[in-house]
Amino acid sequence: MGLLLRLHCGLLLLMSATQTCSVLLLEDEKPTRDHLASVIDGCPGLTLYGEAGSCSDARSVLKGGAPDVLLADLGLPDGSGIDIIREARELYPEMEVMVLTVFEDEENVVAALEAGATGYLLKDQSSDELGDTILALMRGESAISPKVARFLLKRFATPVPDTEGQKTRRQCVAEDELTRREGEVLSLIAKGYSYNEIAGLLELSRNTVRSHIRNIYRKLAVKSRSEAVFEAAQLGLISFEEHI
């Protein structure tokens, strides 16, 4: 009986170790879609949940269940991928959404992130790194193209004029001020470093870094890295001369 129990536990551990992350691919150009599908299928730890070439196709797939990640283009023949991102996040709040597109303009970047995208990559990046980037996104690490990250920092470098609501946010942060270490972690988040890289740079454990990030999210009243950078930028908590 003891041997059977050990074998059962070993099987459960093996199953846990081989769990994969499912990806729904939304891309209208078939050659590109086929290539990305092969990259996803060929990456250990990832599995292709489904493919969609239009907004209507994506809606049909999403009605059947939730993938772990939606990998979405923005320019689609029957609408905008931003609409699908918004709808997908409303249906499945826990699902991660990564944009993969040629659009790097302010309107599309900001709209996609506001709709619920948690990652934003440009198609000029090497597709060989796509699988690792998706897995990093699932671990809570950075998944924003450096070009886009620099753009966002510049976009929010100019302080937003104080409104009554903004003053309230400033007062809230002042009452629950970030510690020096949290400020350092926030600065590295804004530069696009992963949790592991931040831990190495600050000589902290990964769990300690996670704890600092949780505190940052709580104090800034945000739920993601991109939201933390946006809010910190508007509140003047980041020195942009160091990042741009």
C-alpha atoms as a PDB file:
ATOM      1  CA  MET A   1       0.000   0.000   0.000  1.00  0.00           C
ATOM      2  CA  GLY A   2       2.895   2.376   0.819  1.00  0.00           C
ATOM      3  CA  LEU A   3       4.464   1.660  -2.580  1.00  0.00           C
ATOM      4  CA  LEU A   4       1.165   2.357  -4.372  1.00  0.00           C
ATOM      5  CA  LEU A   5       0.808   5.635  -2.479  1.00  0.00           C
ATOM      6  CA  ARG A   6       4.329   6.684  -3.449  1.00  0.00           C
ATOM      7  CA  LEU A   7       3.678   5.780  -7.085  1.00  0.00           C
ATOM      8  CA  HIS A   8       0.435   7.772  -7.045  1.00  0.00           C
ATOM      9  CA  CYS A   9       2.141  10.814  -5.543  1.00  0.00           C
ATOM     10  CA  GLY A  10       4.950  10.540  -8.081  1.00  0.00           C
ATOM     11  CA  LEU A  11       2.411  10.459 -10.916  1.00  0.00           C
ATOM     12  CA  LEU A  12       0.680  13.564  -9.563  1.00  0.00           C
ATOM     13  CA  LEU A  13       4.007  15.400  -9.373  1.00  0.00           C
ATOM     14  CA  LEU A  14       4.842  14.393 -12.933  1.00  0.00           C
ATOM     15  CA  MET A  15       1.449  15.616 -14.171  1.00  0.00           C
ATOM     16  CA  SER A  16       1.922  18.913 -12.342  1.00  0.00           C
ATOM     17  CA  ALA A  17       5.397  19.370 -13.815  1.00  0.00           C
ATOM     18  CA  THR A  18       4.119  18.820 -17.337  1.00  0.00           C
ATOM     19  CA  GLN A  19       1.140  21.190 -17.142  1.00  0.00           C
ATOM     20  CA  THR A  20       1.016  23.495 -20.126  1.00  0.00           C
ATOM     21  CA  CYS A  21      -0.238  26.995 -20.798  1.00  0.00           C
ATOM     22  CA  SER A  22      -2.943  27.164 -23.475  1.00  0.00           C
ATOM     23  CA  VAL A  23      -2.834  29.977 -26.050  1.00  0.00           C
ATOM     24  CA  LEU A  24      -5.568  31.306 -28.321  1.00  0.00           C
ATOM     25  CA  LEU A  25      -3.972  32.883 -31.403  1.00  0.00           C
ATOM     26  CA  LEU A  26      -5.814  35.770 -33.076  1.00  0.00           C
ATOM     27  CA  GLU A  27      -4.096  36.737 -36.343  1.00  0.00           C
ATOM     28  CA  ASP A  28      -5.748  37.442 -39.694  1.00  0.00           C
ATOM     29  CA  GLU A  29      -2.816  36.757 -42.063  1.00  0.00           C
ATOM     30  CA  LYS A  30      -2.689  32.993 -42.581  1.00  0.00           C
ATOM     31  CA  PRO A  31       1.083  32.633 -43.277  1.00  0.00           C
ATOM     32  CA  THR A  32       1.831  34.612 -40.113  1.00  0.00           C
ATOM     33  CA  ARG A  33      -0.789  32.677 -38.157  1.00  0.00           C
ATOM     34  CA  ASP A  34       0.636  29.340 -39.308  1.00  0.00           C
ATOM     35  CA  HIS A  35       4.149  30.399 -38.326  1.00  0.00           C
ATOM     36  CA  LEU A  36       3.105  31.641 -34.886  1.00  0.00           C
ATOM     37  CA  ALA A  37       1.061  28.494 -34.323  1.00  0.00           C
ATOM     38  CA  SER A  38       4.123  26.363 -35.037  1.00  0.00           C
ATOM     39  CA  VAL A  39       6.212  28.477 -32.650  1.00  0.00           C
ATOM     40  CA  ILE A  40       3.634  28.032 -29.878  1.00  0.00           C
ATOM     41  CA  ASP A  41       3.233  24.303 -30.481  1.00  0.00           C
ATOM     42  CA  GLY A  42       6.996  23.853 -30.546  1.00  0.00           C
ATOM     43  CA  CYS A  43       7.613  25.592 -27.219  1.00  0.00           C
ATOM     44  CA  PRO A  44       7.733  23.323 -24.148  1.00  0.00           C
ATOM     45  CA  GLY A  45       5.131  24.482 -21.662  1.00  0.00           C
ATOM     46  CA  LEU A  46       2.760  25.892 -24.283  1.00  0.00           C
ATOM     47  CA  THR A  47      -0.106  24.375 -26.230  1.00  0.00           C
ATOM     48  CA  LEU A  48      -2.241  25.897 -28.970  1.00  0.00           C
ATOM     49  CA  TYR A  49      -5.795  26.264 -27.639  1.00  0.00           C
ATOM     50  CA  GLY A  50      -7.180  27.496 -30.935  1.00  0.00           C
ATOM     51  CA  GLU A  51      -6.727  29.828 -33.896  1.00  0.00           C
ATOM     52  CA  ALA A  52      -8.858  32.736 -35.099  1.00  0.00           C
ATOM     53  CA  GLY A  53      -8.490  34.946 -38.141  1.00  0.00           C
ATOM     54  CA  SER A  54     -11.163  37.500 -37.303  1.00  0.00           C
ATOM     55  CA  CYS A  55     -13.116  39.043 -34.453  1.00  0.00           C
ATOM     56  CA  SER A  56     -16.096  36.791 -35.136  1.00  0.00           C
ATOM     57  CA  ASP A  57     -13.876  33.681 -35.102  1.00  0.00           C
ATOM     58  CA  ALA A  58     -12.335  34.753 -31.800  1.00  0.00           C
ATOM     59  CA  ARG A  59     -15.739  35.333 -30.220  1.00  0.00           C
ATOM     60  CA  SER A  60     -16.843  31.856 -31.273  1.00  0.00           C
ATOM     61  CA  VAL A  61     -13.768  30.230 -29.754  1.00  0.00           C
ATOM     62  CA  LEU A  62     -14.046  32.216 -26.512  1.00  0.00           C
ATOM     63  CA  LYS A  63     -17.661  31.146 -26.061  1.00  0.00           C
ATOM     64  CA  GLY A  64     -16.388  27.586 -25.694  1.00  0.00           C
ATOM     65  CA  GLY A  65     -14.057  28.308 -22.796  1.00  0.00           C
ATOM     66  CA  ALA A  66     -11.032  30.239 -21.585  1.00  0.00           C
ATOM     67  CA  PRO A  67      -7.453  29.758 -22.747  1.00  0.00           C
ATOM     68  CA  ASP A  68      -4.692  30.816 -20.353  1.00  0.00           C
ATOM     69  CA  VAL A  69      -3.466  33.463 -22.798  1.00  0.00           C
ATOM     70  CA  LEU A  70      -4.973  35.374 -25.698  1.00  0.00           C
ATOM     71  CA  LEU A  71      -2.284  36.366 -28.212  1.00  0.00           C
ATOM     72  CA  ALA A  72      -3.964  39.028 -30.339  1.00  0.00           C
ATOM     73  CA  ASP A  73      -3.234  41.206 -33.334  1.00  0.00           C
ATOM     74  CA  LEU A  74      -5.084  44.532 -33.442  1.00  0.00           C
ATOM     75  CA  GLY A  75      -5.790  45.075 -37.134  1.00  0.00           C
ATOM     76  CA  LEU A  76      -8.447  42.549 -38.135  1.00  0.00           C
ATOM     77  CA  PRO A  77     -10.759  42.386 -41.180  1.00  0.00           C
ATOM     78  CA  ASP A  78     -14.015  42.752 -39.239  1.00  0.00           C
ATOM     79  CA  GLY A  79     -13.016  45.025 -36.380  1.00  0.00           C
ATOM     80  CA  SER A  80     -10.322  45.820 -33.859  1.00  0.00           C
ATOM     81  CA  GLY A  81      -8.509  43.340 -31.670  1.00  0.00           C
ATOM     82  CA  ILE A  82      -8.964  45.856 -28.854  1.00  0.00           C
ATOM     83  CA  ASP A  83     -12.674  45.028 -28.786  1.00  0.00           C
ATOM     84  CA  ILE A  84     -11.855  41.324 -28.447  1.00  0.00           C
ATOM     85  CA  ILE A  85      -9.383  42.057 -25.654  1.00  0.00           C
ATOM     86  CA  ARG A  86     -12.029  43.982 -23.733  1.00  0.00           C
ATOM     87  CA  GLU A  87     -14.676  41.287 -24.259  1.00  0.00           C
ATOM     88  CA  ALA A  88     -12.275  38.471 -23.370  1.00  0.00           C
ATOM     89  CA  ARG A  89     -11.226  40.141 -20.122  1.00  0.00           C
ATOM     90  CA  GLU A  90     -14.854  40.715 -19.174  1.00  0.00           C
ATOM     91  CA  LEU A  91     -15.603  37.037 -19.776  1.00  0.00           C
ATOM     92  CA  TYR A  92     -12.452  35.674 -18.156  1.00  0.00           C
ATOM     93  CA  PRO A  93     -10.775  38.232 -15.829  1.00  0.00           C
ATOM     94  CA  GLU A  94      -7.945  35.839 -14.943  1.00  0.00           C
ATOM     95  CA  MET A  95      -6.876  35.337 -18.557  1.00  0.00           C
ATOM     96  CA  GLU A  96      -3.641  37.002 -19.676  1.00  0.00           C
ATOM     97  CA  VAL A  97      -3.716  38.994 -22.926  1.00  0.00           C
ATOM     98  CA  MET A  98      -0.655  39.713 -25.031  1.00  0.00           C
ATOM     99  CA  VAL A  99      -0.811  41.988 -28.060  1.00  0.00           C
ATOM    100  CA  LEU A 100       1.429  41.113 -31.022  1.00  0.00           C
ATOM    101  CA  THR A 101       1.122  43.808 -33.660  1.00  0.00           C
ATOM    102  CA  VAL A 102       2.845  46.303 -35.940  1.00  0.00           C
ATOM    103  CA  PHE A 103       1.022  49.220 -34.303  1.00  0.00           C
ATOM    104  CA  GLU A 104       3.222  51.220 -31.940  1.00  0.00           C
ATOM    105  CA  ASP A 105       1.282  54.498 -31.968  1.00  0.00           C
ATOM    106  CA  GLU A 106      -0.031  56.122 -28.809  1.00  0.00           C
ATOM    107  CA  GLU A 107      -3.701  55.532 -29.543  1.00  0.00           C
ATOM    108  CA  ASN A 108      -3.409  51.758 -30.041  1.00  0.00           C
ATOM    109  CA  VAL A 109      -0.926  51.129 -27.227  1.00  0.00           C
ATOM    110  CA  VAL A 110      -2.906  53.014 -24.597  1.00  0.00           C
ATOM    111  CA  ALA A 111      -6.270  51.671 -25.807  1.00  0.00           C
ATOM    112  CA  ALA A 112      -5.040  48.063 -25.708  1.00  0.00           C
ATOM    113  CA  LEU A 113      -3.639  48.393 -22.195  1.00  0.00           C
ATOM    114  CA  GLU A 114      -6.775  50.145 -20.967  1.00  0.00           C
ATOM    115  CA  ALA A 115      -8.863  47.340 -22.504  1.00  0.00           C
ATOM    116  CA  GLY A 116      -6.989  44.819 -20.379  1.00  0.00           C
ATOM    117  CA  ALA A 117      -3.866  43.754 -22.279  1.00  0.00           C
ATOM    118  CA  THR A 118      -1.117  42.659 -19.902  1.00  0.00           C
ATOM    119  CA  GLY A 119       1.621  42.490 -22.545  1.00  0.00           C
ATOM    120  CA  TYR A 120       2.417  44.389 -25.743  1.00  0.00           C
ATOM    121  CA  LEU A 121       4.924  43.131 -28.299  1.00  0.00           C
ATOM    122  CA  LEU A 122       5.808  44.438 -31.745  1.00  0.00           C
ATOM    123  CA  LYS A 123       6.106  42.098 -34.697  1.00  0.00           C
ATOM    124  CA  ASP A 124       9.620  43.312 -35.464  1.00  0.00           C
ATOM    125  CA  GLN A 125      10.856  41.269 -32.501  1.00  0.00           C
ATOM    126  CA  SER A 126      12.226  37.785 -33.057  1.00  0.00           C
ATOM    127  CA  SER A 127       9.424  35.201 -33.021  1.00  0.00           C
ATOM    128  CA  ASP A 128      11.922  32.676 -31.629  1.00  0.00           C
ATOM    129  CA  GLU A 129      11.570  34.379 -28.238  1.00  0.00           C
ATOM    130  CA  LEU A 130       7.765  34.452 -28.332  1.00  0.00           C
ATOM    131  CA  GLY A 131       7.236  31.239 -26.366  1.00  0.00           C
ATOM    132  CA  ASP A 132       9.565  32.282 -23.562  1.00  0.00           C
ATOM    133  CA  THR A 133       7.905  35.697 -23.427  1.00  0.00           C
ATOM    134  CA  ILE A 134       4.438  34.157 -23.071  1.00  0.00           C
ATOM    135  CA  LEU A 135       5.673  31.926 -20.249  1.00  0.00           C
ATOM    136  CA  ALA A 136       7.292  34.949 -18.593  1.00  0.00           C
ATOM    137  CA  LEU A 137       3.967  36.780 -18.817  1.00  0.00           C
ATOM    138  CA  MET A 138       2.287  33.867 -17.017  1.00  0.00           C
ATOM    139  CA  ARG A 139       4.883  34.190 -14.249  1.00  0.00           C
ATOM    140  CA  GLY A 140       4.001  37.859 -13.837  1.00  0.00           C
ATOM    141  CA  GLU A 141       7.122  39.170 -15.529  1.00  0.00           C
ATOM    142  CA  SER A 142       7.515  41.975 -18.035  1.00  0.00           C
ATOM    143  CA  ALA A 143       6.126  41.414 -21.540  1.00  0.00           C
ATOM    144  CA  ILE A 144       6.336  44.825 -23.172  1.00  0.00           C
ATOM    145  CA  SER A 145       8.609  45.624 -26.111  1.00  0.00           C
ATOM    146  CA  PRO A 146      11.434  47.974 -25.056  1.00  0.00           C
ATOM    147  CA  LYS A 147      10.387  50.452 -27.774  1.00  0.00           C
ATOM    148  CA  VAL A 148       6.843  50.514 -26.388  1.00  0.00           C
ATOM    149  CA  ALA A 149       8.083  50.799 -22.788  1.00  0.00           C
ATOM    150  CA  ARG A 150      10.202  53.843 -23.676  1.00  0.00           C
ATOM    151  CA  PHE A 151       7.270  55.367 -25.522  1.00  0.00           C
ATOM    152  CA  LEU A 152       4.989  54.895 -22.512  1.00  0.00           C
ATOM    153  CA  LEU A 153       7.502  56.513 -20.193  1.00  0.00           C
ATOM    154  CA  LYS A 154       7.756  59.519 -22.495  1.00  0.00           C
ATOM    155  CA  ARG A 155       3.978  59.571 -22.895  1.00  0.00           C
ATOM    156  CA  PHE A 156       3.474  59.969 -19.159  1.00  0.00           C
ATOM    157  CA  ALA A 157       6.571  62.044 -18.417  1.00  0.00           C
ATOM    158  CA  THR A 158       4.551  65.274 -18.415  1.00  0.00           C
ATOM    159  CA  PRO A 159       2.683  65.485 -15.098  1.00  0.00           C
ATOM    160  CA  VAL A 160      -1.076  65.457 -15.435  1.00  0.00           C
ATOM    161  CA  PRO A 161      -2.636  68.706 -14.130  1.00  0.00           C
ATOM    162  CA  ASP A 162      -4.134  68.229 -10.709  1.00  0.00           C
ATOM    163  CA  THR A 163      -7.853  67.662 -10.651  1.00  0.00           C
ATOM    164  CA  GLU A 164      -9.924  67.011  -7.569  1.00  0.00           C
ATOM    165  CA  GLY A 165      -9.667  63.252  -8.203  1.00  0.00           C
ATOM    166  CA  GLN A 166      -5.938  63.422  -8.889  1.00  0.00           C
ATOM    167  CA  LYS A 167      -5.347  65.366  -5.688  1.00  0.00           C
ATOM    168  CA  THR A 168      -7.176  62.646  -3.832  1.00  0.00           C
ATOM    169  CA  ARG A 169      -4.873  59.996  -5.347  1.00  0.00           C
ATOM    170  CA  ARG A 170      -1.792  62.049  -4.410  1.00  0.00           C
ATOM    171  CA  GLN A 171      -3.096  62.386  -0.866  1.00  0.00           C
ATOM    172  CA  CYS A 172      -3.706  58.638  -0.661  1.00  0.00           C
ATOM    173  CA  VAL A 173      -0.174  57.829  -1.797  1.00  0.00           C
ATOM    174  CA  ALA A 174       1.252  60.430   0.575  1.00  0.00           C
ATOM    175  CA  GLU A 175      -0.584  58.766   3.442  1.00  0.00           C
ATOM    176  CA  ASP A 176       0.780  55.339   2.483  1.00  0.00           C
ATOM    177  CA  GLU A 177       4.176  56.330   1.078  1.00  0.00           C
ATOM    178  CA  LEU A 178       6.335  53.832  -0.785  1.00  0.00           C
ATOM    179  CA  THR A 179       9.429  52.715   1.086  1.00  0.00           C
ATOM    180  CA  ARG A 180      12.878  53.325  -0.396  1.00  0.00           C
ATOM    181  CA  ARG A 181      13.154  49.676  -1.429  1.00  0.00           C
ATOM    182  CA  GLU A 182       9.689  49.715  -2.997  1.00  0.00           C
ATOM    183  CA  GLY A 183      10.736  52.794  -4.942  1.00  0.00           C
ATOM    184  CA  GLU A 184      13.800  50.943  -6.228  1.00  0.00           C
ATOM    185  CA  VAL A 185      11.677  47.973  -7.274  1.00  0.00           C
ATOM    186  CA  LEU A 186       9.181  50.273  -8.988  1.00  0.00           C
ATOM    187  CA  SER A 187      11.998  51.979 -10.895  1.00  0.00           C
ATOM    188  CA  LEU A 188      13.273  48.621 -12.148  1.00  0.00           C
ATOM    189  CA  ILE A 189       9.750  47.553 -13.111  1.00  0.00           C
ATOM    190  CA  ALA A 190       9.514  50.716 -15.223  1.00  0.00           C
ATOM    191  CA  LYS A 191      12.747  49.732 -16.984  1.00  0.00           C
ATOM    192  CA  GLY A 192      11.207  46.381 -17.930  1.00  0.00           C
ATOM    193  CA  TYR A 193      13.266  44.077 -15.699  1.00  0.00           C
ATOM    194  CA  SER A 194      11.842  40.670 -14.764  1.00  0.00           C
ATOM    195  CA  TYR A 195      11.300  39.536 -11.180  1.00  0.00           C
ATOM    196  CA  ASN A 196      14.433  37.395 -11.319  1.00  0.00           C
ATOM    197  CA  GLU A 197      16.514  40.266 -12.694  1.00  0.00           C
ATOM    198  CA  ILE A 198      15.225  42.642 -10.010  1.00  0.00           C
ATOM    199  CA  ALA A 199      16.044  40.063  -7.339  1.00  0.00           C
ATOM    200  CA  GLY A 200      19.583  39.753  -8.692  1.00  0.00           C
ATOM    201  CA  LEU A 201      20.179  43.484  -9.014  1.00  0.00           C
ATOM    202  CA  LEU A 202      18.917  44.250  -5.510  1.00  0.00           C
ATOM    203  CA  GLU A 203      20.315  41.050  -3.971  1.00  0.00           C
ATOM    204  CA  LEU A 204      16.898  39.946  -2.764  1.00  0.00           C
ATOM    205  CA  SER A 205      15.009  36.680  -2.955  1.00  0.00           C
ATOM    206  CA  ARG A 206      12.318  36.322  -5.620  1.00  0.00           C
ATOM    207  CA  ASN A 207       9.676  36.015  -2.871  1.00  0.00           C
ATOM    208  CA  THR A 208      10.846  39.275  -1.315  1.00  0.00           C
ATOM    209  CA  VAL A 209      10.563  41.015  -4.671  1.00  0.00           C
ATOM    210  CA  ARG A 210       7.039  39.644  -5.070  1.00  0.00           C
ATOM    211  CA  SER A 211       6.164  40.959  -1.618  1.00  0.00           C
ATOM    212  CA  HIS A 212       7.436  44.437  -2.512  1.00  0.00           C
ATOM    213  CA  ILE A 213       5.466  44.395  -5.767  1.00  0.00           C
ATOM    214  CA  ARG A 214       2.283  43.380  -3.944  1.00  0.00           C
ATOM    215  CA  ASN A 215       2.781  46.321  -1.586  1.00  0.00           C
ATOM    216  CA  ILE A 216       3.355  48.675  -4.525  1.00  0.00           C
ATOM    217  CA  TYR A 217       0.162  47.474  -6.222  1.00  0.00           C
ATOM    218  CA  ARG A 218      -1.804  47.924  -2.998  1.00  0.00           C
ATOM    219  CA  LYS A 219      -0.483  51.425  -2.326  1.00  0.00           C
ATOM    220  CA  LEU A 220      -1.030  52.593  -5.908  1.00  0.00           C
ATOM    221  CA  ALA A 221      -4.407  50.796  -6.133  1.00  0.00           C
ATOM    222  CA  VAL A 222      -3.418  48.948  -9.323  1.00  0.00           C
ATOM    223  CA  LYS A 223      -3.423  45.329 -10.477  1.00  0.00           C
ATOM    224  CA  SER A 224      -0.639  45.054 -13.058  1.00  0.00           C
ATOM    225  CA  ARG A 225       2.882  46.205 -13.886  1.00  0.00           C
ATOM    226  CA  SER A 226       1.723  48.502 -16.683  1.00  0.00           C
ATOM    227  CA  GLU A 227      -0.884  50.136 -14.428  1.00  0.00           C
ATOM    228  CA  ALA A 228       1.772  50.621 -11.739  1.00  0.00           C
ATOM    229  CA  VAL A 229       4.064  52.404 -14.199  1.00  0.00           C
ATOM    230  CA  PHE A 230       1.218  54.577 -15.510  1.00  0.00           C
ATOM    231  CA  GLU A 231       0.075  55.569 -12.017  1.00  0.00           C
ATOM    232  CA  ALA A 232       3.616  56.170 -10.757  1.00  0.00           C
ATOM    233  CA  ALA A 233       4.314  58.350 -13.790  1.00  0.00           C
ATOM    234  CA  GLN A 234       1.242  60.486 -13.259  1.00  0.00           C
ATOM    235  CA  LEU A 235       2.026  60.857  -9.555  1.00  0.00           C
ATOM    236  CA  GLY A 236       5.648  61.822 -10.241  1.00  0.00           C
ATOM    237  CA  LEU A 237       7.082  58.812  -8.397  1.00  0.00           C
ATOM    238  CA  ILE A 238       9.459  57.858 -11.237  1.00  0.00           C
ATOM    239  CA  SER A 239      12.473  59.895 -12.356  1.00  0.00           C
ATOM    240  CA  PHE A 240      12.114  59.649 -16.103  1.00  0.00           C
ATOM    241  CA  GLU A 241      15.582  61.005 -16.814  1.00  0.00           C
ATOM    242  CA  GLU A 242      16.853  57.628 -15.637  1.00  0.00           C
ATOM    243  CA  HIS A 243      14.580  55.622 -17.972  1.00  0.00           C
ATOM    244  CA  ILE A 244      14.254  57.524 -21.242  1.00  0.00           C
END
